[in-house]
Amino acid sequence: MEIGAGDLRTQYDLIVVGTGPAGLTLARKYEELTGDKVLVIESGRRSKDNNEAQKLSEVSATGDLPSAYSLLHNRRIFGGTSTVWGGLCAVLEKRSFLNNEWPFSYDELYAYYPEAAEILSVQEEVHTRPEIAFPGNANIIYKPLYFSPPIRFNESSESWVDSNTNTDVLFNHSVMRVNIKSSIAVSVFARESSQEGETTTLVEVFGSRIVLATGGIQNARLLKLSLSGDSKVVGSYFCEHQHALNIASIILDREMFEQVMDKEIRNFYHVISGHAISLSSELSNRRSLKSVLFTFEDERVQRNNLLDQNRSTILAKVHVIAEMSALSSNRITLSNTRRDFLGQPIAHINFQFLPQEIHAVAERLNAELVRSGLGRMSILPKELLPIGGGHIMGTTRMGDNPDTSVTDAQGRVHGVENLYVAGSSLFPAAAAANPTLTIVALALRLADQLARTK
C-alpha cells in the first residue's frame, strides 16, 4: 500500500529501490513467494511526472551521447521507463552464452522467459519460436518481431499497490546512498524529491536485503556513492544497442523468404509487426562477429517481378539494432564539478559507438544472402554514426571475477553480503535483443533466489 515517510516500519525484509519493470516484478514476485514485509521506494510521484525529481537524472556527457540522453531514458515516475517503452520483446541470442560471457547457462535464463512473457502480455512464441534458420542456409536466421501492448507497469501494478498489505510503497523519495557497514548493507538514506534539498528530512530505512533497480545509469551512480574505495569497475563497460534507421536496402526472393514462415508462423502472423534477419550465433562466433539485427517493417515491403526470371521479390528499407563490445572506457563516473539539488554529484557519461562492428556483420550477411540466392543488401555507409535506443546495459555487470564485474551470478554486489542489483545494468553481454523481456526474466530469477535463501 502507498505510505508516507512517517508510516515506515522499523525494519523490512526486503527494500527495492525503483518501480520500473525490474523493481516491480521483483517486489511482486518476492512478496508472493514469501509474504515478507517489502518496501518499494520510488523517486517520482505515483500519478504524474515530477519535474523536480526528473532533474535528478541530469548528467554531463562526453562522446557520442548528448547530456539530454539520460533525461529521455531514465524516468522518475511510478512504472519507470515502462511508461515510455515501445513494447518490442525478444529473448537473448545464445551467442554470448556460447562464449561464456554470462556467468550462468542460457537454459537457466530461458526457464524464466515464459512467466516474463505472461507479465508483458506477449505471446509465447516470443520464446518458443524466437528464430528460424532459412532452408538451405542455416547461417541466416529469420526473426519475427514480437510486441507487448506495451504493458505500463504503473497501470498493471496499481491495484496491487492499493490492496497489498505486506508491501509498502513510498513515492517522491530519492535514495541518496546505501549505508554499508562491515560488508553488510544496513539501510538506505532517502530524501524527498524536492528542491528544498537539505531542508527536507533525511530518512533512514533498515532492511535485511536491499535491491537497486534504478536503471543503468543510476544503479552505477548509487553504488559509487555507497561503496568505499574507488570501485573503478562500477560504471565501466557501459553498452548501448547501436540503432540506425533507413540506412540500407534489401532485396529478397519472395518465394524463398516466405518458405521460412511455415504454418505455425502464419497462424500468429497478425501479431508480428515486422521482420528481421541476422547471422546465426554459430557463424557469428566462428567469425568473431557481434549480433546484429537487420529489420524491415511489413508495411514498407514492396513487391516486384524480376522480368528475366519472372520471380517476385521483396524490396525494403533496412534498420539496424546491433550489439557492441563492452569497453571499460565506455563508462559512468561521478562528476567532479556538478551536483544535483540534493547535493549529490551527478553522473558523467563517457561513451563512443563502434559502427565498424556493424559494417563487418553487414558484409558477411550480404555474402551469405548472395551465396544462398536469397537476395542481397546494400552495404552500410562507412560514415554511419549510430544512435542510442535507451538500452543502458552493463554498468554493474555480472561475473565471477570482482576485477571485471560488479555482481556475482545472482546479482549480489561483490564484497557486500546482502546488496543486490536488478535490471539491464547486470548484462555482461547485450546481444542484439531488446532488453525488457530479459530484465523481467532476471528479476523473476532473483526473486526466486532471494526467497530460497531467506
Protein backbone atom coordinates (compact mmCIF):
# COMPACT_ATOMS: atom_id res chain seq x y z
CA MET A 1 0.00 0.00 0.00
CA GLU A 2 1.07 3.58 -0.52
CA ILE A 3 2.53 5.17 2.61
CA GLY A 4 4.17 8.39 3.74
CA ALA A 5 7.60 8.72 5.30
CA GLY A 6 6.01 8.83 8.75
CA ASP A 7 4.45 5.40 8.24
CA LEU A 8 7.68 3.50 7.57
CA ARG A 9 8.28 0.30 9.53
CA THR A 10 11.30 -0.08 11.76
CA GLN A 11 12.69 -2.94 9.63
CA TYR A 12 11.85 -4.52 6.28
CA ASP A 13 12.77 -7.97 4.99
CA LEU A 14 13.46 -6.51 1.54
CA ILE A 15 13.91 -2.96 0.24
CA VAL A 16 13.59 -2.42 -3.52
CA VAL A 17 14.68 0.92 -4.97
CA GLY A 18 12.82 1.73 -8.20
CA THR A 19 9.42 0.90 -9.70
CA GLY A 20 10.29 0.08 -13.30
CA PRO A 21 9.92 -3.40 -14.86
CA ALA A 22 12.79 -4.81 -12.76
CA GLY A 23 11.79 -3.33 -9.41
CA LEU A 24 8.06 -4.03 -9.55
CA THR A 25 8.50 -7.53 -10.98
CA LEU A 26 10.96 -8.39 -8.23
CA ALA A 27 8.90 -6.91 -5.40
CA ARG A 28 5.65 -8.53 -6.51
CA LYS A 29 7.17 -11.97 -7.09
CA TYR A 30 9.17 -11.97 -3.86
CA GLU A 31 6.16 -10.95 -1.77
CA GLU A 32 4.04 -13.61 -3.50
CA LEU A 33 6.61 -16.29 -2.68
CA THR A 34 7.33 -15.27 0.91
CA GLY A 35 4.67 -12.98 2.35
CA ASP A 36 7.54 -10.94 3.81
CA LYS A 37 7.45 -7.24 4.54
CA VAL A 38 8.71 -5.34 1.50
CA LEU A 39 9.38 -1.64 0.93
CA VAL A 40 9.49 -0.18 -2.57
CA ILE A 41 10.90 3.35 -2.93
CA GLU A 42 10.17 5.48 -6.00
CA SER A 43 11.88 8.82 -6.66
CA GLY A 44 8.92 10.20 -8.63
CA ARG A 45 5.25 10.58 -7.97
CA ARG A 46 2.59 7.97 -8.46
CA SER A 47 0.25 9.56 -10.96
CA LYS A 48 2.11 12.27 -12.86
CA ASP A 49 5.59 13.40 -13.77
CA ASN A 50 7.56 15.09 -11.04
CA ASN A 51 9.66 17.59 -12.96
CA GLU A 52 11.77 18.23 -9.86
CA ALA A 53 12.55 14.54 -9.42
CA GLN A 54 13.34 14.20 -13.13
CA LYS A 55 16.05 16.83 -12.78
CA LEU A 56 17.88 14.39 -10.50
CA SER A 57 18.60 12.31 -13.62
CA GLU A 58 20.56 15.10 -15.31
CA VAL A 59 24.08 14.10 -16.37
CA SER A 60 27.11 15.58 -18.01
CA ALA A 61 28.48 13.78 -21.06
CA THR A 62 31.36 13.46 -23.47
CA GLY A 63 31.44 11.40 -26.65
CA ASP A 64 28.56 10.20 -28.82
CA LEU A 65 25.69 10.53 -26.33
CA PRO A 66 24.38 14.02 -25.50
CA SER A 67 23.68 15.07 -21.94
CA ALA A 68 19.90 15.08 -22.68
CA TYR A 69 20.09 11.32 -23.36
CA SER A 70 19.70 10.42 -19.69
CA LEU A 71 16.56 12.51 -19.20
CA LEU A 72 14.92 10.73 -22.14
CA HIS A 73 15.74 7.24 -20.94
CA ASN A 74 15.59 7.41 -17.14
CA ARG A 75 12.05 8.13 -15.94
CA ARG A 76 11.49 9.04 -12.28
CA ILE A 77 7.84 8.09 -12.10
CA PHE A 78 5.78 5.10 -10.97
CA GLY A 79 6.41 2.47 -13.66
CA GLY A 80 9.80 3.85 -14.63
CA THR A 81 10.81 3.52 -18.26
CA SER A 82 7.86 1.23 -18.96
CA THR A 83 5.83 4.46 -19.20
CA VAL A 84 7.66 5.31 -22.44
CA TRP A 85 8.58 1.80 -23.64
CA GLY A 86 7.77 0.88 -27.24
CA GLY A 87 6.96 -2.77 -26.48
CA LEU A 88 9.43 -4.77 -28.61
CA CYS A 89 10.23 -8.09 -26.90
CA ALA A 90 12.90 -10.68 -27.69
CA VAL A 91 14.87 -13.38 -25.95
CA LEU A 92 18.63 -13.06 -25.88
CA GLU A 93 20.57 -14.84 -28.60
CA LYS A 94 22.73 -17.74 -27.48
CA ARG A 95 25.91 -16.30 -28.97
CA SER A 96 27.25 -14.71 -25.78
CA PHE A 97 26.25 -17.72 -23.66
CA LEU A 98 28.16 -19.98 -26.05
CA ASN A 99 31.15 -17.70 -25.41
CA ASN A 100 30.65 -17.99 -21.62
CA GLU A 101 30.23 -14.22 -21.33
CA TRP A 102 27.33 -14.72 -18.91
CA PRO A 103 28.16 -16.41 -15.58
CA PHE A 104 25.33 -18.95 -15.86
CA SER A 105 23.74 -21.05 -18.58
CA TYR A 106 21.24 -19.96 -21.21
CA ASP A 107 18.86 -22.68 -20.05
CA GLU A 108 18.76 -21.15 -16.56
CA LEU A 109 17.68 -17.80 -18.00
CA TYR A 110 15.31 -19.39 -20.53
CA ALA A 111 13.34 -21.05 -17.70
CA TYR A 112 12.03 -17.60 -16.69
CA TYR A 113 11.04 -16.37 -20.14
CA PRO A 114 7.53 -17.96 -20.13
CA GLU A 115 6.48 -16.14 -16.95
CA ALA A 116 8.13 -12.94 -18.18
CA ALA A 117 6.12 -13.20 -21.41
CA GLU A 118 2.90 -13.52 -19.39
CA ILE A 119 3.75 -10.43 -17.33
CA LEU A 120 4.38 -8.44 -20.51
CA SER A 121 1.31 -9.87 -22.30
CA VAL A 122 3.39 -11.00 -25.25
CA GLN A 123 2.55 -14.29 -26.99
CA GLU A 124 4.52 -17.40 -26.03
CA GLU A 125 6.07 -17.63 -29.50
CA VAL A 126 8.46 -14.89 -28.37
CA HIS A 127 10.38 -17.65 -26.59
CA THR A 128 9.13 -20.83 -28.31
CA ARG A 129 9.82 -19.53 -31.84
CA PRO A 130 12.32 -16.68 -31.47
CA GLU A 131 14.15 -17.54 -34.69
CA ILE A 132 14.15 -19.93 -37.64
CA ALA A 133 17.04 -20.87 -39.92
CA PHE A 134 16.47 -20.34 -43.62
CA PRO A 135 16.09 -23.54 -45.69
CA GLY A 136 19.33 -24.21 -47.50
CA ASN A 137 21.44 -21.80 -45.44
CA ALA A 138 21.50 -22.24 -41.66
CA ASN A 139 23.88 -19.29 -41.40
CA ILE A 140 20.96 -16.87 -41.99
CA ILE A 141 18.28 -16.59 -39.31
CA TYR A 142 14.76 -15.18 -39.66
CA LYS A 143 13.40 -13.41 -36.57
CA PRO A 144 9.77 -12.27 -36.28
CA LEU A 145 9.37 -9.09 -34.22
CA TYR A 146 7.03 -9.52 -31.26
CA PHE A 147 5.44 -6.69 -29.30
CA SER A 148 3.88 -6.22 -25.88
CA PRO A 149 0.76 -3.94 -26.00
CA PRO A 150 3.01 -2.36 -24.38
CA ILE A 151 2.47 -3.07 -20.69
CA ARG A 152 2.78 0.01 -18.46
CA PHE A 153 3.89 -1.25 -15.05
CA ASN A 154 2.27 1.67 -13.24
CA GLU A 155 -1.10 0.59 -14.66
CA SER A 156 -0.64 -3.17 -14.23
CA SER A 157 0.54 -2.74 -10.61
CA GLU A 158 -1.86 -0.03 -9.48
CA SER A 159 -4.41 -2.32 -7.81
CA TRP A 160 -1.58 -4.34 -6.24
CA VAL A 161 -0.23 -1.20 -4.57
CA ASP A 162 -3.67 -0.36 -3.19
CA SER A 163 -4.54 -3.83 -1.90
CA ASN A 164 -1.27 -5.40 -0.76
CA THR A 165 -0.69 -5.04 2.98
CA ASN A 166 2.71 -6.76 3.04
CA THR A 167 4.33 -4.26 0.67
CA ASP A 168 4.71 -0.55 1.42
CA VAL A 169 5.36 1.86 -1.46
CA LEU A 170 6.98 5.21 -0.69
CA PHE A 171 6.71 7.73 -3.54
CA ASN A 172 8.52 11.00 -4.17
CA HIS A 173 11.63 10.00 -2.21
CA SER A 174 15.08 9.62 -3.73
CA VAL A 175 17.61 7.24 -2.25
CA MET A 176 20.87 9.09 -1.61
CA ARG A 177 23.06 6.12 -0.75
CA VAL A 178 23.13 2.67 0.81
CA ASN A 179 24.60 2.54 4.33
CA ILE A 180 27.19 -0.28 4.30
CA LYS A 181 28.97 -1.38 7.47
CA SER A 182 31.43 -4.28 7.69
CA SER A 183 30.39 -5.60 4.26
CA ILE A 184 26.68 -5.57 5.17
CA ALA A 185 24.08 -3.21 3.69
CA VAL A 186 22.30 -1.98 6.80
CA SER A 187 19.93 0.68 5.50
CA VAL A 188 19.22 3.27 2.83
CA PHE A 189 19.13 7.04 3.24
CA ALA A 190 16.46 8.88 1.28
CA ARG A 191 15.20 12.43 0.93
CA GLU A 192 12.00 13.87 -0.50
CA SER A 193 12.45 14.62 -4.21
CA SER A 194 12.07 18.35 -3.69
CA GLN A 195 14.06 21.47 -4.48
CA GLU A 196 14.05 22.14 -0.74
CA GLY A 197 17.01 19.79 -0.71
CA GLU A 198 18.90 19.92 2.56
CA THR A 199 15.89 21.36 4.41
CA THR A 200 13.88 18.17 3.85
CA THR A 201 14.09 15.35 6.37
CA LEU A 202 16.71 12.65 5.72
CA VAL A 203 15.01 9.30 6.18
CA GLU A 204 16.92 6.14 7.12
CA VAL A 205 15.17 2.84 6.41
CA PHE A 206 16.55 -0.51 7.56
CA GLY A 207 16.29 -3.68 5.52
CA SER A 208 17.59 -7.25 5.74
CA ARG A 209 18.28 -7.21 1.99
CA ILE A 210 18.41 -4.32 -0.44
CA VAL A 211 18.00 -4.32 -4.24
CA LEU A 212 18.84 -1.40 -6.53
CA ALA A 213 16.58 -1.29 -9.60
CA THR A 214 17.00 2.32 -10.74
CA GLY A 215 18.28 1.84 -14.29
CA GLY A 216 21.69 1.51 -15.86
CA ILE A 217 22.94 4.99 -15.05
CA GLN A 218 21.50 5.44 -11.57
CA ASN A 219 22.37 1.90 -10.40
CA ALA A 220 26.02 2.68 -11.10
CA ARG A 221 25.78 6.14 -9.59
CA LEU A 222 24.18 4.85 -6.37
CA LEU A 223 26.82 2.17 -5.98
CA LYS A 224 29.60 4.69 -6.48
CA LEU A 225 28.03 6.88 -3.82
CA SER A 226 27.68 3.93 -1.44
CA LEU A 227 30.77 1.73 -1.80
CA SER A 228 34.04 2.58 -0.11
CA GLY A 229 37.15 2.91 -2.23
CA ASP A 230 37.44 3.86 -5.89
CA SER A 231 35.38 0.93 -7.27
CA LYS A 232 36.56 1.58 -10.84
CA VAL A 233 34.70 -1.37 -12.31
CA VAL A 234 31.37 0.14 -11.18
CA GLY A 235 30.06 2.12 -14.15
CA SER A 236 32.52 0.63 -16.63
CA TYR A 237 31.56 -1.45 -19.68
CA PHE A 238 28.53 0.73 -20.45
CA CYS A 239 26.85 -0.74 -23.54
CA GLU A 240 24.05 0.51 -25.77
CA HIS A 241 22.33 -1.06 -28.72
CA GLN A 242 23.56 0.72 -31.80
CA HIS A 243 20.50 1.79 -33.80
CA ALA A 244 20.48 3.06 -37.37
CA LEU A 245 17.29 3.81 -39.31
CA ASN A 246 16.76 3.59 -43.08
CA ILE A 247 20.46 3.16 -43.73
CA ALA A 248 20.35 0.42 -46.37
CA SER A 249 18.00 -1.50 -48.63
CA ILE A 250 17.48 -5.22 -49.05
CA ILE A 251 16.06 -7.27 -51.92
CA LEU A 252 14.88 -10.80 -51.19
CA ASP A 253 13.44 -13.59 -53.28
CA ARG A 254 9.86 -13.58 -52.02
CA GLU A 255 9.24 -17.32 -52.52
CA MET A 256 12.44 -18.29 -50.69
CA PHE A 257 11.80 -15.78 -47.92
CA GLU A 258 8.25 -16.94 -47.28
CA GLN A 259 9.33 -20.60 -47.10
CA VAL A 260 10.70 -19.84 -43.65
CA MET A 261 7.28 -18.67 -42.46
CA ASP A 262 5.73 -22.12 -42.01
CA LYS A 263 2.15 -22.79 -40.99
CA GLU A 264 2.87 -22.18 -37.31
CA ILE A 265 4.41 -18.80 -38.05
CA ARG A 266 1.50 -17.83 -40.29
CA ASN A 267 -1.01 -18.71 -37.56
CA PHE A 268 0.24 -15.83 -35.43
CA TYR A 269 1.41 -13.60 -38.26
CA HIS A 270 -1.12 -10.94 -37.23
CA VAL A 271 0.88 -10.20 -34.08
CA ILE A 272 4.12 -9.71 -36.00
CA SER A 273 4.65 -6.09 -36.97
CA GLY A 274 8.00 -6.56 -38.60
CA HIS A 275 10.73 -8.91 -39.69
CA ALA A 276 14.43 -9.25 -39.01
CA ILE A 277 17.25 -11.33 -40.36
CA SER A 278 20.64 -11.94 -38.83
CA LEU A 279 23.60 -14.25 -38.88
CA SER A 280 23.37 -17.40 -36.77
CA SER A 281 25.06 -17.48 -33.38
CA GLU A 282 27.33 -20.27 -34.59
CA LEU A 283 28.59 -18.36 -37.64
CA SER A 284 28.92 -15.14 -35.64
CA ASN A 285 31.11 -16.89 -33.11
CA ARG A 286 33.25 -18.58 -35.76
CA ARG A 287 33.83 -15.19 -37.39
CA SER A 288 34.15 -13.31 -34.06
CA LEU A 289 31.22 -11.09 -35.06
CA LYS A 290 28.69 -9.37 -32.84
CA SER A 291 24.93 -9.89 -33.02
CA VAL A 292 23.18 -7.51 -35.42
CA LEU A 293 19.51 -7.48 -36.40
CA PHE A 294 18.63 -6.13 -39.84
CA THR A 295 14.95 -5.26 -39.57
CA PHE A 296 12.30 -4.19 -42.05
CA GLU A 297 8.65 -3.42 -41.42
CA ASP A 298 5.89 -5.27 -43.21
CA GLU A 299 4.06 -2.13 -44.29
CA ARG A 300 7.21 -0.91 -46.04
CA VAL A 301 7.58 -4.03 -48.17
CA GLN A 302 7.31 -3.55 -51.92
CA ARG A 303 6.74 -6.46 -54.27
CA ASN A 304 8.10 -6.53 -57.80
CA ASN A 305 8.63 -9.07 -60.56
CA LEU A 306 12.08 -9.82 -61.88
CA LEU A 307 11.47 -9.79 -65.64
CA ASP A 308 14.32 -12.06 -66.55
CA GLN A 309 13.21 -14.82 -64.16
CA ASN A 310 9.60 -13.80 -63.55
CA ARG A 311 10.10 -14.13 -59.81
CA SER A 312 8.51 -11.98 -57.15
CA THR A 313 10.86 -10.04 -54.89
CA ILE A 314 10.64 -8.11 -51.66
CA LEU A 315 12.34 -4.72 -51.60
CA ALA A 316 12.52 -2.88 -48.30
CA LYS A 317 14.42 -0.27 -46.35
CA VAL A 318 16.58 -1.69 -43.58
CA HIS A 319 17.02 -0.62 -39.96
CA VAL A 320 19.73 -1.93 -37.65
CA ILE A 321 19.78 -2.96 -33.98
CA ALA A 322 23.30 -4.00 -33.10
CA GLU A 323 25.29 -5.35 -30.20
CA MET A 324 28.57 -3.65 -29.36
CA SER A 325 31.65 -4.74 -27.50
CA ALA A 326 31.86 -3.95 -23.80
CA LEU A 327 34.71 -1.47 -23.32
CA SER A 328 35.97 -0.27 -19.96
CA SER A 329 36.43 3.22 -21.49
CA ASN A 330 32.67 3.49 -22.04
CA ARG A 331 31.72 4.31 -18.51
CA ILE A 332 29.75 6.25 -15.94
CA THR A 333 31.62 8.21 -13.28
CA LEU A 334 30.70 10.88 -10.74
CA SER A 335 31.11 14.49 -11.79
CA ASN A 336 33.82 16.47 -10.02
CA THR A 337 32.11 19.79 -10.72
CA ARG A 338 28.32 19.40 -10.74
CA ARG A 339 25.85 18.35 -8.06
CA ASP A 340 22.07 17.90 -8.10
CA PHE A 341 19.77 19.95 -5.87
CA LEU A 342 20.03 17.30 -3.13
CA GLY A 343 23.78 17.89 -3.01
CA GLN A 344 24.82 14.66 -4.75
CA PRO A 345 27.41 14.52 -7.57
CA ILE A 346 25.62 13.94 -10.88
CA ALA A 347 26.63 11.11 -13.19
CA HIS A 348 29.06 11.73 -16.04
CA ILE A 349 28.85 9.59 -19.18
CA ASN A 350 31.77 8.93 -21.50
CA PHE A 351 30.71 6.84 -24.47
CA GLN A 352 31.62 6.10 -28.08
CA PHE A 353 29.78 3.87 -30.54
CA LEU A 354 31.55 1.16 -32.56
CA PRO A 355 29.99 1.34 -36.07
CA GLN A 356 32.80 -0.74 -37.55
CA GLU A 357 31.31 -3.78 -35.81
CA ILE A 358 28.04 -3.26 -37.73
CA HIS A 359 29.89 -2.99 -41.05
CA ALA A 360 31.69 -6.29 -40.50
CA VAL A 361 28.41 -8.14 -39.91
CA ALA A 362 26.66 -6.42 -42.85
CA GLU A 363 29.38 -7.54 -45.24
CA ARG A 364 29.20 -11.15 -44.05
CA LEU A 365 25.38 -11.20 -44.19
CA ASN A 366 25.40 -9.83 -47.73
CA ALA A 367 27.85 -12.53 -48.76
CA GLU A 368 25.58 -15.21 -47.28
CA LEU A 369 22.49 -13.76 -48.98
CA VAL A 370 24.20 -13.79 -52.37
CA ARG A 371 25.70 -17.24 -51.85
CA SER A 372 22.33 -18.76 -50.99
CA GLY A 373 20.43 -16.99 -53.76
CA LEU A 374 18.11 -15.44 -51.19
CA GLY A 375 18.94 -11.86 -52.14
CA ARG A 376 21.37 -9.07 -51.50
CA MET A 377 21.71 -5.98 -49.33
CA SER A 378 23.32 -2.63 -49.93
CA ILE A 379 26.37 -2.15 -47.74
CA LEU A 380 26.04 0.42 -44.99
CA PRO A 381 27.65 3.83 -45.44
CA LYS A 382 31.13 3.95 -43.94
CA GLU A 383 30.38 7.28 -42.27
CA LEU A 384 27.48 5.75 -40.36
CA LEU A 385 27.11 7.08 -36.81
CA PRO A 386 24.52 5.04 -34.89
CA ILE A 387 22.09 6.49 -32.39
CA GLY A 388 21.18 5.08 -29.00
CA GLY A 389 17.90 3.39 -28.20
CA GLY A 390 17.90 3.94 -24.45
CA HIS A 391 19.09 0.39 -23.76
CA ILE A 392 21.51 1.19 -20.95
CA MET A 393 23.36 -2.01 -20.12
CA GLY A 394 26.45 -3.39 -18.47
CA THR A 395 27.33 -0.70 -15.93
CA THR A 396 27.05 -3.13 -12.98
CA ARG A 397 27.75 -6.28 -14.94
CA MET A 398 27.53 -9.84 -13.64
CA GLY A 399 30.55 -12.07 -13.45
CA ASP A 400 32.70 -14.38 -11.38
CA ASN A 401 35.73 -12.06 -11.22
CA PRO A 402 35.42 -8.95 -8.99
CA ASP A 403 38.17 -7.29 -11.05
CA THR A 404 35.96 -7.23 -14.16
CA SER A 405 32.41 -7.39 -12.75
CA VAL A 406 30.29 -5.73 -10.09
CA THR A 407 27.97 -8.55 -9.04
CA ASP A 408 28.08 -12.32 -8.91
CA ALA A 409 25.83 -14.60 -10.98
CA GLN A 410 22.91 -13.93 -8.61
CA GLY A 411 23.16 -10.15 -8.89
CA ARG A 412 24.73 -9.74 -5.43
CA VAL A 413 27.33 -6.98 -5.25
CA HIS A 414 30.83 -8.40 -4.75
CA GLY A 415 32.00 -7.88 -1.18
CA VAL A 416 28.59 -6.93 0.25
CA GLU A 417 26.61 -9.73 1.83
CA ASN A 418 23.05 -8.52 1.19
CA LEU A 419 23.11 -5.85 -1.53
CA TYR A 420 21.77 -6.75 -4.98
CA VAL A 421 21.20 -5.14 -8.36
CA ALA A 422 18.36 -5.73 -10.84
CA GLY A 423 17.91 -4.58 -14.42
CA SER A 424 19.89 -4.41 -17.64
CA SER A 425 22.91 -2.90 -15.89
CA LEU A 426 23.67 -6.55 -14.99
CA PHE A 427 24.13 -7.59 -18.63
CA PRO A 428 27.74 -8.65 -19.28
CA ALA A 429 26.87 -9.02 -22.97
CA ALA A 430 23.92 -7.36 -24.65
CA ALA A 431 23.33 -9.40 -27.83
CA ALA A 432 21.01 -7.52 -30.23
CA ALA A 433 17.73 -8.25 -28.45
CA ASN A 434 15.65 -5.52 -26.84
CA PRO A 435 16.29 -5.95 -23.12
CA THR A 436 12.88 -5.64 -21.39
CA LEU A 437 11.86 -9.31 -21.61
CA THR A 438 15.23 -10.34 -20.17
CA ILE A 439 15.06 -7.63 -17.48
CA VAL A 440 11.77 -9.15 -16.27
CA ALA A 441 13.13 -12.71 -16.51
CA LEU A 442 16.21 -11.80 -14.44
CA ALA A 443 14.02 -10.08 -11.84
CA LEU A 444 11.91 -13.25 -11.51
CA ARG A 445 15.09 -15.30 -11.16
CA LEU A 446 16.41 -13.01 -8.42
CA ALA A 447 13.08 -13.14 -6.57
CA ASP A 448 13.28 -16.95 -6.58
CA GLN A 449 16.84 -16.89 -5.30
CA LEU A 450 16.07 -14.41 -2.52
CA ALA A 451 13.00 -16.42 -1.47
CA ARG A 452 15.01 -19.67 -1.33
CA THR A 453 17.81 -18.16 0.76
CA LYS A 454 15.80 -16.02 3.21
